[in-house]
Every structure is written in structure tokens, then in C-alpha cells.
Amino acid sequence: MTSSGGPRRRRRADAERSRTAILDAAVRLLRQRPDAGMEAIAMAAGVTRQTVYAHFSSRDELLAATVDRITADAVAAMDAAALDDGPATAALLRFLDASWKAFEDNAPLLLAAADATPTESDRTRHEPVADRLARLIERGQRTGEFAPGLSPHWLVTVTVALGHAAGDEVGAGRMTSTEAQAALRITTLQALGAAERPSA
């Protein structure tokens, strides 16, 4: 008796490779052309428009999937920054730098996806980022590097809001990316009451 598991597994593997190729192409293209449509994304991925719609029923669904992808990449970059190692203040700067790089690399895409990602979904998507930041702030408060007395979760909210404000300033043309990143570092350390403010 011949099992059909092999062909099914191959079909699943082919479908997963196709989906990955579409997401890869969407991220690359939307970084440069945030208004790119499904046809352009299909061409960039080397598949048909019908294949794109077989995986993503709408452009909004594809945009949401690209935000999931770049969020996962940002979390991986934060983990690679060894946030649990060394002084909490230096680790916080590594966290901010990793977050800012994700913003710099993907700002046009994130703007295009803003209307496609409901607030509740966006909050859920960013929970891994918030959890890592909360642990880092708690560690800094325990070691005396950050001022005690304020809820770590409140300080997470403040830090995230400062990041969004820095991004908005760049988007409005009032600051360069370098200026905004420097301002974000200084202001966040001040908001957390950092005892020391290293330059790196």
C-alpha cells in the first residue's frame, strides 16, 4: 500500500516555499515602493497574481503578514543584542539601537501597513518586544541603574511612545534619522532616571 503522505508533504513544503518567497518579495518591494500592488509583488516573487491571492486573500492581509515578519526579525535582533548581559543601561541602548534599525529599514512599509493592522492586533504583535523591555527595566531598577518607584510597565509605555515620537519627527522632516536616534537615546535614559548615560 502506497502512502499519500509523501506527496502531501511535498505540496505543503512547496506551498510554504511559495509563501516565504512572496513575503520576502513583499518586504523588499514595499520598503522601496509602499504603494506597490499585488501584481507587482507577484512579479517580484516570481509567481502569478493568483498564487499570491491563494496565500493572502487581500493586500491588507499581506501587509499584516509583512509586519509580522519584520517584527519577528526585530525581536531576533534584540535577542542577538544580549539584553540580559552586562549593565542594564548599556543593554537598554542596545535595545533602542536594534529597535531603531528596524524602524529605519522598514519605515515606508510600516506606514503603508498602518491602516491594515488593527490596534489590538498591533498590540498583540508587539508583546514580545514589550516583555523584553519590561524585563530589562526591572533588572535596571533592581541594580539601581534606573530610578525605582515607577511601574516597569508604565516605563515600557513611555519608552514605546518616545520611539513613536522619534519616528514621527523623522517622517515629518523635522529631524534626521541620526538626530532622532540620538534624541531617543538621551530622552529614554532621562525618563528612566538612568544613573549613568554611556555614549554607546
Protein backbone atom coordinates (compact mmCIF):
# COMPACT_ATOMS: atom_id res chain seq x y z
CA MET A 1 0.00 0.00 0.00
CA THR A 2 1.44 3.38 -1.03
CA SER A 3 1.16 6.22 1.44
CA SER A 4 0.00 9.59 0.17
CA GLY A 5 1.90 11.32 2.97
CA GLY A 6 4.92 11.95 0.73
CA PRO A 7 3.08 13.92 -1.98
CA ARG A 8 1.10 15.82 0.66
CA ARG A 9 4.29 16.76 2.47
CA ARG A 10 5.84 17.92 -0.78
CA ARG A 11 2.78 20.03 -1.57
CA ARG A 12 2.92 21.58 1.89
CA ALA A 13 6.65 22.25 1.51
CA ASP A 14 6.08 23.80 -1.94
CA ALA A 15 3.29 25.98 -0.54
CA GLU A 16 5.48 27.12 2.35
CA ARG A 17 8.34 27.99 -0.01
CA SER A 18 5.92 29.93 -2.21
CA ARG A 19 4.53 31.84 0.78
CA THR A 20 8.05 32.64 2.01
CA ALA A 21 9.08 33.88 -1.45
CA ILE A 22 6.03 36.15 -1.59
CA LEU A 23 6.74 37.58 1.87
CA ASP A 24 10.42 38.11 1.04
CA ALA A 25 9.49 39.93 -2.15
CA ALA A 26 6.78 41.99 -0.43
CA VAL A 27 9.17 43.20 2.27
CA ARG A 28 11.84 44.12 -0.29
CA LEU A 29 9.44 45.86 -2.65
CA LEU A 30 7.30 47.68 -0.09
CA ARG A 31 10.39 49.14 1.57
CA GLN A 32 11.03 50.94 -1.72
CA ARG A 33 7.51 51.27 -3.10
CA PRO A 34 4.96 51.26 -0.28
CA ASP A 35 2.12 51.66 -2.78
CA ALA A 36 3.08 48.53 -4.76
CA GLY A 37 0.11 46.34 -5.62
CA MET A 38 -0.37 42.59 -5.65
CA GLU A 39 0.63 42.28 -9.31
CA ALA A 40 3.98 43.98 -8.70
CA ILE A 41 4.60 41.83 -5.62
CA ALA A 42 3.77 38.69 -7.59
CA MET A 43 6.25 39.68 -10.30
CA ALA A 44 8.95 40.39 -7.71
CA ALA A 45 8.31 36.98 -6.13
CA GLY A 46 8.36 35.19 -9.49
CA VAL A 47 4.83 33.83 -9.07
CA THR A 48 1.43 34.59 -10.55
CA ARG A 49 -1.04 37.03 -9.05
CA GLN A 50 -3.36 34.07 -8.43
CA THR A 51 -0.65 32.40 -6.36
CA VAL A 52 -0.33 35.48 -4.18
CA TYR A 53 -4.08 35.50 -3.59
CA ALA A 54 -4.00 31.79 -2.79
CA HIS A 55 -1.84 32.64 0.23
CA PHE A 56 -3.14 36.12 1.08
CA SER A 57 -6.78 36.94 0.39
CA SER A 58 -6.17 40.70 0.25
CA ARG A 59 -3.41 43.27 0.15
CA ASP A 60 -4.20 44.18 3.76
CA GLU A 61 -3.67 40.57 4.81
CA LEU A 62 -0.32 40.53 3.01
CA LEU A 63 0.68 43.83 4.61
CA ALA A 64 -0.16 42.46 8.05
CA ALA A 65 1.98 39.40 7.33
CA THR A 66 4.92 41.59 6.33
CA VAL A 67 4.63 43.46 9.64
CA ASP A 68 4.64 40.10 11.44
CA ARG A 69 7.82 39.21 9.55
CA ILE A 70 9.72 42.40 10.33
CA THR A 71 8.55 42.30 13.96
CA ALA A 72 9.93 38.77 14.28
CA ASP A 73 13.19 39.97 12.72
CA ALA A 74 13.36 42.86 15.20
CA VAL A 75 12.81 40.51 18.13
CA ALA A 76 15.59 38.26 16.81
CA ALA A 77 17.90 41.28 16.60
CA MET A 78 17.07 42.20 20.20
CA ASP A 79 17.86 38.68 21.35
CA ALA A 80 21.14 38.83 19.44
CA ALA A 81 21.93 42.05 21.36
CA ALA A 82 22.16 40.00 24.60
CA LEU A 83 19.82 42.19 26.63
CA ASP A 84 20.37 40.09 29.76
CA ASP A 85 24.14 40.66 29.73
CA GLY A 86 26.14 43.49 31.24
CA PRO A 87 24.84 46.72 32.76
CA ALA A 88 21.15 47.35 32.16
CA THR A 89 21.85 50.88 30.91
CA ALA A 90 24.13 49.64 28.13
CA ALA A 91 21.64 46.86 27.32
CA LEU A 92 18.87 49.45 27.03
CA LEU A 93 20.91 51.35 24.47
CA ARG A 94 21.40 48.14 22.50
CA PHE A 95 17.63 47.58 22.66
CA LEU A 96 16.97 51.10 21.38
CA ASP A 97 19.51 50.74 18.58
CA ALA A 98 18.02 47.42 17.44
CA SER A 99 14.52 48.94 17.52
CA TRP A 100 15.63 52.00 15.61
CA LYS A 101 17.34 49.96 12.90
CA ALA A 102 14.10 48.03 12.38
CA PHE A 103 12.28 51.36 12.01
CA GLU A 104 14.90 52.79 9.62
CA ASP A 105 14.87 49.70 7.43
CA ASN A 106 11.10 49.46 7.24
CA ALA A 107 9.60 52.93 7.74
CA PRO A 108 7.80 53.14 4.34
CA LEU A 109 6.43 49.61 4.73
CA LEU A 110 5.21 50.28 8.28
CA LEU A 111 3.48 53.45 7.12
CA ALA A 112 1.77 51.58 4.29
CA ALA A 113 0.65 48.85 6.69
CA ALA A 114 -0.67 51.20 9.38
CA ASP A 115 -4.29 51.02 8.20
CA ALA A 116 -4.07 47.25 7.62
CA THR A 117 -3.11 46.41 11.20
CA PRO A 118 -5.86 46.97 13.79
CA THR A 119 -4.72 48.39 17.14
CA GLU A 120 -5.48 45.18 19.04
CA SER A 121 -3.53 43.06 16.56
CA ASP A 122 -0.66 45.52 16.67
CA ARG A 123 -0.59 45.34 20.48
CA THR A 124 -0.51 41.54 20.43
CA ARG A 125 2.21 41.53 17.77
CA HIS A 126 4.46 43.72 19.89
CA GLU A 127 4.03 41.84 23.17
CA PRO A 128 7.38 40.01 22.77
CA VAL A 129 9.12 43.39 22.38
CA ALA A 130 7.33 44.86 25.39
CA ASP A 131 8.11 41.79 27.51
CA ARG A 132 11.83 42.04 26.76
CA LEU A 133 11.85 45.75 27.54
CA ALA A 134 9.94 45.23 30.80
CA ARG A 135 12.45 42.60 31.96
CA LEU A 136 15.30 44.93 31.11
CA ILE A 137 13.77 47.84 33.02
CA GLU A 138 13.04 45.62 36.02
CA ARG A 139 16.68 44.49 36.02
CA GLY A 140 17.88 48.08 35.88
CA GLN A 141 15.66 49.03 38.81
CA ARG A 142 16.95 46.08 40.86
CA THR A 143 20.57 47.06 40.22
CA GLY A 144 19.91 50.73 40.96
CA GLU A 145 20.70 51.86 37.40
CA PHE A 146 17.14 53.07 36.80
CA ALA A 147 15.04 55.03 39.26
CA PRO A 148 12.77 52.83 41.40
CA GLY A 149 9.18 53.58 42.31
CA LEU A 150 7.57 53.68 38.86
CA SER A 151 5.88 50.65 37.33
CA PRO A 152 8.10 48.95 34.74
CA HIS A 153 5.05 48.58 32.51
CA TRP A 154 4.45 52.33 32.67
CA LEU A 155 8.08 52.90 31.72
CA VAL A 156 7.66 50.48 28.81
CA THR A 157 4.71 52.58 27.62
CA VAL A 158 6.79 55.75 27.93
CA THR A 159 9.71 54.21 26.03
CA VAL A 160 7.49 52.97 23.21
CA ALA A 161 5.79 56.37 22.98
CA LEU A 162 9.17 58.09 22.73
CA GLY A 163 10.16 55.72 19.94
CA HIS A 164 6.98 56.54 18.02
CA ALA A 165 7.56 60.27 18.59
CA ALA A 166 11.09 59.99 17.22
CA GLY A 167 9.77 58.18 14.15
CA ASP A 168 7.10 60.84 13.65
CA GLU A 169 9.73 63.60 13.76
CA VAL A 170 11.71 61.87 11.03
CA GLY A 171 8.55 61.30 8.98
CA ALA A 172 7.63 64.98 9.27
CA GLY A 173 11.11 66.04 8.17
CA ARG A 174 11.82 67.91 11.40
CA MET A 175 14.76 65.66 12.36
CA THR A 176 17.17 63.45 10.50
CA SER A 177 17.26 59.79 11.42
CA THR A 178 20.61 60.27 13.18
CA GLU A 179 19.29 63.22 15.19
CA ALA A 180 16.14 61.35 16.19
CA GLN A 181 18.06 58.25 17.24
CA ALA A 182 20.40 60.32 19.42
CA ALA A 183 17.48 62.22 20.95
CA LEU A 184 15.63 58.95 21.62
CA ARG A 185 18.62 57.51 23.48
CA ILE A 186 19.09 60.59 25.67
CA THR A 187 15.40 61.15 26.41
CA THR A 188 14.70 57.50 27.22
CA LEU A 189 17.61 57.31 29.65
CA GLN A 190 16.37 60.50 31.29
CA ALA A 191 12.81 59.17 31.51
CA LEU A 192 14.07 56.01 33.23
CA GLY A 193 16.24 58.01 35.60
CA ALA A 194 19.41 56.28 34.42
CA ALA A 195 22.25 56.82 36.89
CA GLU A 196 24.78 56.77 34.06
CA ARG A 197 24.40 57.74 30.43
CA PRO A 198 27.06 55.99 28.39
CA SER A 199 27.58 57.07 24.80
CA ALA A 200 27.49 53.50 23.49
